[in-house]
PDB file of N, CA and C in Angstrom:
ATOM      1  N   MET A   1      -0.464 -11.605  -8.373  1.00  0.00           N
ATOM      2  CA  MET A   1      -0.106 -10.935  -9.599  1.00  0.00           C
ATOM      3  C   MET A   1      -0.057  -9.419  -9.414  1.00  0.00           C
ATOM      4  N   LYS A   2      -0.923  -8.859  -8.584  1.00  0.00           N
ATOM      5  CA  LYS A   2      -0.936  -7.418  -8.355  1.00  0.00           C
ATOM      6  C   LYS A   2       0.353  -6.952  -7.683  1.00  0.00           C
ATOM      7  N   LEU A   3       0.920  -7.776  -6.820  1.00  0.00           N
ATOM      8  CA  LEU A   3       2.176  -7.428  -6.159  1.00  0.00           C
ATOM      9  C   LEU A   3       3.289  -7.255  -7.185  1.00  0.00           C
ATOM     10  N   ARG A   4       3.339  -8.114  -8.168  1.00  0.00           N
ATOM     11  CA  ARG A   4       4.360  -8.018  -9.210  1.00  0.00           C
ATOM     12  C   ARG A   4       4.215  -6.711  -9.984  1.00  0.00           C
ATOM     13  N   LEU A   5       2.990  -6.316 -10.277  1.00  0.00           N
ATOM     14  CA  LEU A   5       2.741  -5.065 -10.987  1.00  0.00           C
ATOM     15  C   LEU A   5       3.204  -3.883 -10.138  1.00  0.00           C
ATOM     16  N   ALA A   6       2.900  -3.894  -8.847  1.00  0.00           N
ATOM     17  CA  ALA A   6       3.326  -2.812  -7.956  1.00  0.00           C
ATOM     18  C   ALA A   6       4.849  -2.722  -7.899  1.00  0.00           C
ATOM     19  N   ILE A   7       5.517  -3.846  -7.822  1.00  0.00           N
ATOM     20  CA  ILE A   7       6.979  -3.861  -7.764  1.00  0.00           C
ATOM     21  C   ILE A   7       7.570  -3.290  -9.044  1.00  0.00           C
ATOM     22  N   THR A   8       6.981  -3.596 -10.192  1.00  0.00           N
ATOM     23  CA  THR A   8       7.524  -3.077 -11.449  1.00  0.00           C
ATOM     24  C   THR A   8       7.339  -1.570 -11.568  1.00  0.00           C
ATOM     25  N   LYS A   9       6.332  -1.015 -10.886  1.00  0.00           N
ATOM     26  CA  LYS A   9       6.123   0.432 -10.905  1.00  0.00           C
ATOM     27  C   LYS A   9       7.105   1.151  -9.978  1.00  0.00           C
ATOM     28  N   LEU A  10       7.609   0.464  -8.960  1.00  0.00           N
ATOM     29  CA  LEU A  10       8.496   1.083  -7.977  1.00  0.00           C
ATOM     30  C   LEU A  10       9.976   0.859  -8.268  1.00  0.00           C
ATOM     31  N   PHE A  11      10.316  -0.288  -8.802  1.00  0.00           N
ATOM     32  CA  PHE A  11      11.719  -0.642  -8.988  1.00  0.00           C
ATOM     33  C   PHE A  11      12.002  -0.995 -10.435  1.00  0.00           C
ATOM     34  N   GLN A  12      13.047  -0.380 -10.975  1.00  0.00           N
ATOM     35  CA  GLN A  12      13.442  -0.638 -12.351  1.00  0.00           C
ATOM     36  C   GLN A  12      14.265  -1.924 -12.448  1.00  0.00           C
ATOM     37  N   LYS A  13      15.066  -2.177 -11.415  1.00  0.00           N
ATOM     38  CA  LYS A  13      15.947  -3.344 -11.428  1.00  0.00           C
ATOM     39  C   LYS A  13      16.104  -3.859 -10.007  1.00  0.00           C
ATOM     40  N   LEU A  14      15.976  -5.163  -9.833  1.00  0.00           N
ATOM     41  CA  LEU A  14      16.202  -5.825  -8.550  1.00  0.00           C
ATOM     42  C   LEU A  14      17.297  -6.864  -8.735  1.00  0.00           C
ATOM     43  N   THR A  15      18.295  -6.846  -7.859  1.00  0.00           N
ATOM     44  CA  THR A  15      19.334  -7.870  -7.917  1.00  0.00           C
ATOM     45  C   THR A  15      19.552  -8.444  -6.522  1.00  0.00           C
ATOM     46  N   TYR A  16      19.837  -9.725  -6.471  1.00  0.00           N
ATOM     47  CA  TYR A  16      20.104 -10.424  -5.226  1.00  0.00           C
ATOM     48  C   TYR A  16      21.550 -10.903  -5.232  1.00  0.00           C
ATOM     49  N   THR A  17      22.257 -10.615  -4.152  1.00  0.00           N
ATOM     50  CA  THR A  17      23.603 -11.124  -3.977  1.00  0.00           C
ATOM     51  C   THR A  17      23.693 -11.669  -2.555  1.00  0.00           C
ATOM     52  N   GLY A  18      23.656 -12.974  -2.428  1.00  0.00           N
ATOM     53  CA  GLY A  18      23.641 -13.565  -1.094  1.00  0.00           C
ATOM     54  C   GLY A  18      22.375 -13.147  -0.365  1.00  0.00           C
ATOM     55  N   ASP A  19      22.543 -12.458   0.780  1.00  0.00           N
ATOM     56  CA  ASP A  19      21.405 -11.994   1.567  1.00  0.00           C
ATOM     57  C   ASP A  19      21.076 -10.529   1.312  1.00  0.00           C
ATOM     58  N   VAL A  20      21.683  -9.933   0.282  1.00  0.00           N
ATOM     59  CA  VAL A  20      21.512  -8.502   0.004  1.00  0.00           C
ATOM     60  C   VAL A  20      20.650  -8.305  -1.241  1.00  0.00           C
ATOM     61  N   VAL A  21      19.670  -7.400  -1.124  1.00  0.00           N
ATOM     62  CA  VAL A  21      18.832  -7.029  -2.266  1.00  0.00           C
ATOM     63  C   VAL A  21      19.173  -5.588  -2.635  1.00  0.00           C
ATOM     64  N   SER A  22      19.493  -5.358  -3.898  1.00  0.00           N
ATOM     65  CA  SER A  22      19.776  -4.013  -4.398  1.00  0.00           C
ATOM     66  C   SER A  22      18.695  -3.640  -5.400  1.00  0.00           C
ATOM     67  N   VAL A  23      18.292  -2.364  -5.383  1.00  0.00           N
ATOM     68  CA  VAL A  23      17.242  -1.919  -6.295  1.00  0.00           C
ATOM     69  C   VAL A  23      17.637  -0.625  -6.977  1.00  0.00           C
ATOM     70  N   ASN A  24      17.119  -0.436  -8.186  1.00  0.00           N
ATOM     71  CA  ASN A  24      17.170   0.847  -8.878  1.00  0.00           C
ATOM     72  C   ASN A  24      15.734   1.335  -8.926  1.00  0.00           C
ATOM     73  N   TYR A  25      15.502   2.548  -8.443  1.00  0.00           N
ATOM     74  CA  TYR A  25      14.157   3.089  -8.379  1.00  0.00           C
ATOM     75  C   TYR A  25      13.691   3.616  -9.727  1.00  0.00           C
ATOM     76  N   THR A  26      12.388   3.570  -9.968  1.00  0.00           N
ATOM     77  CA  THR A  26      11.796   4.190 -11.150  1.00  0.00           C
ATOM     78  C   THR A  26      11.571   5.671 -10.850  1.00  0.00           C
ATOM     79  N   ASN A  27      11.292   6.444 -11.871  1.00  0.00           N
ATOM     80  CA  ASN A  27      10.979   7.856 -11.670  1.00  0.00           C
ATOM     81  C   ASN A  27       9.739   8.021 -10.801  1.00  0.00           C
ATOM     82  N   PHE A  28       8.798   7.093 -10.921  1.00  0.00           N
ATOM     83  CA  PHE A  28       7.578   7.128 -10.113  1.00  0.00           C
ATOM     84  C   PHE A  28       7.899   7.034  -8.627  1.00  0.00           C
ATOM     85  N   SER A  29       8.746   6.093  -8.246  1.00  0.00           N
ATOM     86  CA  SER A  29       9.072   5.940  -6.824  1.00  0.00           C
ATOM     87  C   SER A  29       9.939   7.093  -6.331  1.00  0.00           C
ATOM     88  N   ARG A  30      10.769   7.658  -7.190  1.00  0.00           N
ATOM     89  CA  ARG A  30      11.544   8.844  -6.800  1.00  0.00           C
ATOM     90  C   ARG A  30      10.625  10.017  -6.500  1.00  0.00           C
ATOM     91  N   ALA A  31       9.605  10.196  -7.331  1.00  0.00           N
ATOM     92  CA  ALA A  31       8.641  11.279  -7.120  1.00  0.00           C
ATOM     93  C   ALA A  31       7.899  11.090  -5.800  1.00  0.00           C
ATOM     94  N   ILE A  32       7.519   9.868  -5.487  1.00  0.00           N
ATOM     95  CA  ILE A  32       6.861   9.588  -4.209  1.00  0.00           C
ATOM     96  C   ILE A  32       7.790   9.939  -3.059  1.00  0.00           C
ATOM     97  N   ALA A  33       9.035   9.498  -3.127  1.00  0.00           N
ATOM     98  CA  ALA A  33       9.998   9.755  -2.055  1.00  0.00           C
ATOM     99  C   ALA A  33      10.238  11.248  -1.859  1.00  0.00           C
ATOM    100  N   GLN A  34      10.330  11.998  -2.937  1.00  0.00           N
ATOM    101  CA  GLN A  34      10.545  13.446  -2.835  1.00  0.00           C
ATOM    102  C   GLN A  34       9.353  14.124  -2.180  1.00  0.00           C
ATOM    103  N   ASN A  35       8.140  13.700  -2.528  1.00  0.00           N
ATOM    104  CA  ASN A  35       6.948  14.288  -1.918  1.00  0.00           C
ATOM    105  C   ASN A  35       6.832  13.930  -0.447  1.00  0.00           C
ATOM    106  N   VAL A  36       7.223  12.733  -0.073  1.00  0.00           N
ATOM    107  CA  VAL A  36       7.222  12.336   1.332  1.00  0.00           C
ATOM    108  C   VAL A  36       8.219  13.199   2.113  1.00  0.00           C
ATOM    109  N   LEU A  37       9.391  13.428   1.530  1.00  0.00           N
ATOM    110  CA  LEU A  37      10.395  14.253   2.188  1.00  0.00           C
ATOM    111  C   LEU A  37       9.892  15.681   2.374  1.00  0.00           C
ATOM    112  N   LYS A  38       9.252  16.247   1.350  1.00  0.00           N
ATOM    113  CA  LYS A  38       8.702  17.603   1.455  1.00  0.00           C
ATOM    114  C   LYS A  38       7.630  17.666   2.536  1.00  0.00           C
ATOM    115  N   THR A  39       6.752  16.680   2.565  1.00  0.00           N
ATOM    116  CA  THR A  39       5.695  16.641   3.573  1.00  0.00           C
ATOM    117  C   THR A  39       6.291  16.518   4.961  1.00  0.00           C
ATOM    118  N   ASN A  40       7.273  15.669   5.102  1.00  0.00           N
ATOM    119  CA  ASN A  40       7.951  15.490   6.382  1.00  0.00           C
ATOM    120  C   ASN A  40       8.563  16.805   6.857  1.00  0.00           C
ATOM    121  N   ASN A  41       9.201  17.522   5.954  1.00  0.00           N
ATOM    122  CA  ASN A  41       9.813  18.798   6.315  1.00  0.00           C
ATOM    123  C   ASN A  41       8.757  19.832   6.700  1.00  0.00           C
ATOM    124  N   LEU A  42       7.645  19.864   5.985  1.00  0.00           N
ATOM    125  CA  LEU A  42       6.574  20.811   6.286  1.00  0.00           C
ATOM    126  C   LEU A  42       5.935  20.528   7.652  1.00  0.00           C
ATOM    127  N   LEU A  43       5.846  19.258   8.009  1.00  0.00           N
ATOM    128  CA  LEU A  43       5.242  18.884   9.282  1.00  0.00           C
ATOM    129  C   LEU A  43       6.250  18.832  10.425  1.00  0.00           C
ATOM    130  N   GLY A  44       7.460  19.217  10.146  1.00  0.00           N
ATOM    131  CA  GLY A  44       8.486  19.233  11.195  1.00  0.00           C
ATOM    132  C   GLY A  44       8.971  17.857  11.578  1.00  0.00           C
ATOM    133  N   GLY A  45       8.957  16.919  10.654  1.00  0.00           N
ATOM    134  CA  GLY A  45       9.478  15.586  10.917  1.00  0.00           C
ATOM    135  C   GLY A  45       8.575  14.726  11.770  1.00  0.00           C
ATOM    136  N   LYS A  46       7.257  14.980  11.734  1.00  0.00           N
ATOM    137  CA  LYS A  46       6.329  14.261  12.599  1.00  0.00           C
ATOM    138  C   LYS A  46       5.440  13.275  11.856  1.00  0.00           C
ATOM    139  N   ILE A  47       5.964  12.654  10.789  1.00  0.00           N
ATOM    140  CA  ILE A  47       5.176  11.643  10.098  1.00  0.00           C
ATOM    141  C   ILE A  47       5.840  10.307  10.247  1.00  0.00           C
TER     142      ILE A  47
END
């Protein structure tokens, strides 16, 4: 059940077409991705 809660916090919409999964990110997951990118840039791409 906890996995389902985590998925709902990260993805707004999940769709399956054949073997392809498409997702729409939530604002929460976008914020995480932006912070990871900033950290990566600050560390010179060493994460």
